Amino acid sequence: MTVEFALPDVVERQTDAEVVPWQVLTPSVPFDHRIADGVDAAQFVNAVEAYLRDPDLLLLE
């Protein structure tokens, strides 16, 4: 499987006392639905997201 990312998008995100700009990457996973279930793709994207948020996880597994 591959993960493709669209160009970064800037959205406004509410924090404690202010609204700040926030960069967002939108992932896309192309796969054949005849072979793989959508659940597998969702789990894969969630794992990639976890590694992007905390790269130290790559060292633990």
C-alpha atoms as a PDB file:
ATOM      1  CA  MET A   1       0.000   0.000   0.000  1.00  0.00           C
ATOM      2  CA  THR A   2       1.074   3.546  -0.547  1.00  0.00           C
ATOM      3  CA  VAL A   3      -0.054   6.707   1.139  1.00  0.00           C
ATOM      4  CA  GLU A   4      -0.428   9.825  -0.945  1.00  0.00           C
ATOM      5  CA  PHE A   5      -0.753  13.252   0.639  1.00  0.00           C
ATOM      6  CA  ALA A   6      -2.501  16.236  -0.866  1.00  0.00           C
ATOM      7  CA  LEU A   7      -0.841  19.639  -0.668  1.00  0.00           C
ATOM      8  CA  PRO A   8      -0.861  21.002   2.890  1.00  0.00           C
ATOM      9  CA  ASP A   9      -3.944  22.998   3.740  1.00  0.00           C
ATOM     10  CA  VAL A  10      -4.096  25.716   6.387  1.00  0.00           C
ATOM     11  CA  VAL A  11      -7.170  25.725   8.608  1.00  0.00           C
ATOM     12  CA  GLU A  12      -8.063  27.682  11.710  1.00  0.00           C
ATOM     13  CA  ARG A  13      -7.982  25.756  14.970  1.00  0.00           C
ATOM     14  CA  GLN A  14      -9.434  26.896  18.287  1.00  0.00           C
ATOM     15  CA  THR A  15      -7.052  26.709  21.262  1.00  0.00           C
ATOM     16  CA  ASP A  16      -7.613  27.834  24.843  1.00  0.00           C
ATOM     17  CA  ALA A  17      -7.921  31.562  24.163  1.00  0.00           C
ATOM     18  CA  GLU A  18      -7.280  32.109  20.472  1.00  0.00           C
ATOM     19  CA  VAL A  19      -7.708  30.825  16.962  1.00  0.00           C
ATOM     20  CA  VAL A  20      -4.425  29.854  15.303  1.00  0.00           C
ATOM     21  CA  PRO A  21      -3.541  28.655  11.791  1.00  0.00           C
ATOM     22  CA  TRP A  22      -2.880  24.921  11.595  1.00  0.00           C
ATOM     23  CA  GLN A  23      -1.374  22.927   8.719  1.00  0.00           C
ATOM     24  CA  VAL A  24      -3.291  19.811   7.745  1.00  0.00           C
ATOM     25  CA  LEU A  25      -2.186  16.956   5.461  1.00  0.00           C
ATOM     26  CA  THR A  26      -4.958  14.880   3.926  1.00  0.00           C
ATOM     27  CA  PRO A  27      -3.915  11.247   3.314  1.00  0.00           C
ATOM     28  CA  SER A  28      -5.256   9.098   0.509  1.00  0.00           C
ATOM     29  CA  VAL A  29      -4.738   5.343   0.235  1.00  0.00           C
ATOM     30  CA  PRO A  30      -5.340   3.818  -3.178  1.00  0.00           C
ATOM     31  CA  PHE A  31      -6.059   0.077  -2.963  1.00  0.00           C
ATOM     32  CA  ASP A  32      -8.130  -2.574  -4.661  1.00  0.00           C
ATOM     33  CA  HIS A  33     -11.408  -3.126  -2.797  1.00  0.00           C
ATOM     34  CA  ARG A  34     -11.673  -6.590  -4.330  1.00  0.00           C
ATOM     35  CA  ILE A  35      -8.544  -7.681  -2.444  1.00  0.00           C
ATOM     36  CA  ALA A  36      -8.354  -5.599   0.739  1.00  0.00           C
ATOM     37  CA  ASP A  37     -11.098  -4.521   3.101  1.00  0.00           C
ATOM     38  CA  GLY A  38     -11.479  -0.827   3.919  1.00  0.00           C
ATOM     39  CA  VAL A  39     -10.777  -1.641   7.568  1.00  0.00           C
ATOM     40  CA  ASP A  40      -7.231  -2.681   6.656  1.00  0.00           C
ATOM     41  CA  ALA A  41      -6.646   0.610   4.854  1.00  0.00           C
ATOM     42  CA  ALA A  42      -8.060   2.618   7.771  1.00  0.00           C
ATOM     43  CA  GLN A  43      -5.799   0.799  10.239  1.00  0.00           C
ATOM     44  CA  PHE A  44      -2.810   1.464   7.976  1.00  0.00           C
ATOM     45  CA  VAL A  45      -3.609   5.203   7.746  1.00  0.00           C
ATOM     46  CA  ASN A  46      -4.089   5.373  11.521  1.00  0.00           C
ATOM     47  CA  ALA A  47      -0.679   3.733  12.039  1.00  0.00           C
ATOM     48  CA  VAL A  48       0.986   6.192   9.631  1.00  0.00           C
ATOM     49  CA  GLU A  49      -0.696   9.084  11.467  1.00  0.00           C
ATOM     50  CA  ALA A  50       0.551   7.779  14.821  1.00  0.00           C
ATOM     51  CA  TYR A  51       4.124   7.544  13.468  1.00  0.00           C
ATOM     52  CA  LEU A  52       3.938  11.072  12.051  1.00  0.00           C
ATOM     53  CA  ARG A  53       2.670  12.439  15.360  1.00  0.00           C
ATOM     54  CA  ASP A  54       5.267  10.543  17.433  1.00  0.00           C
ATOM     55  CA  PRO A  55       8.261   9.225  15.417  1.00  0.00           C
ATOM     56  CA  ASP A  56       9.686   7.616  18.582  1.00  0.00           C
ATOM     57  CA  LEU A  57       7.084   4.876  18.121  1.00  0.00           C
ATOM     58  CA  LEU A  58       9.154   3.613  15.193  1.00  0.00           C
ATOM     59  CA  LEU A  59      11.971   2.818  17.605  1.00  0.00           C
ATOM     60  CA  LEU A  60       9.744   0.856  19.967  1.00  0.00           C
ATOM     61  CA  GLU A  61       8.406  -1.661  17.455  1.00  0.00           C
END
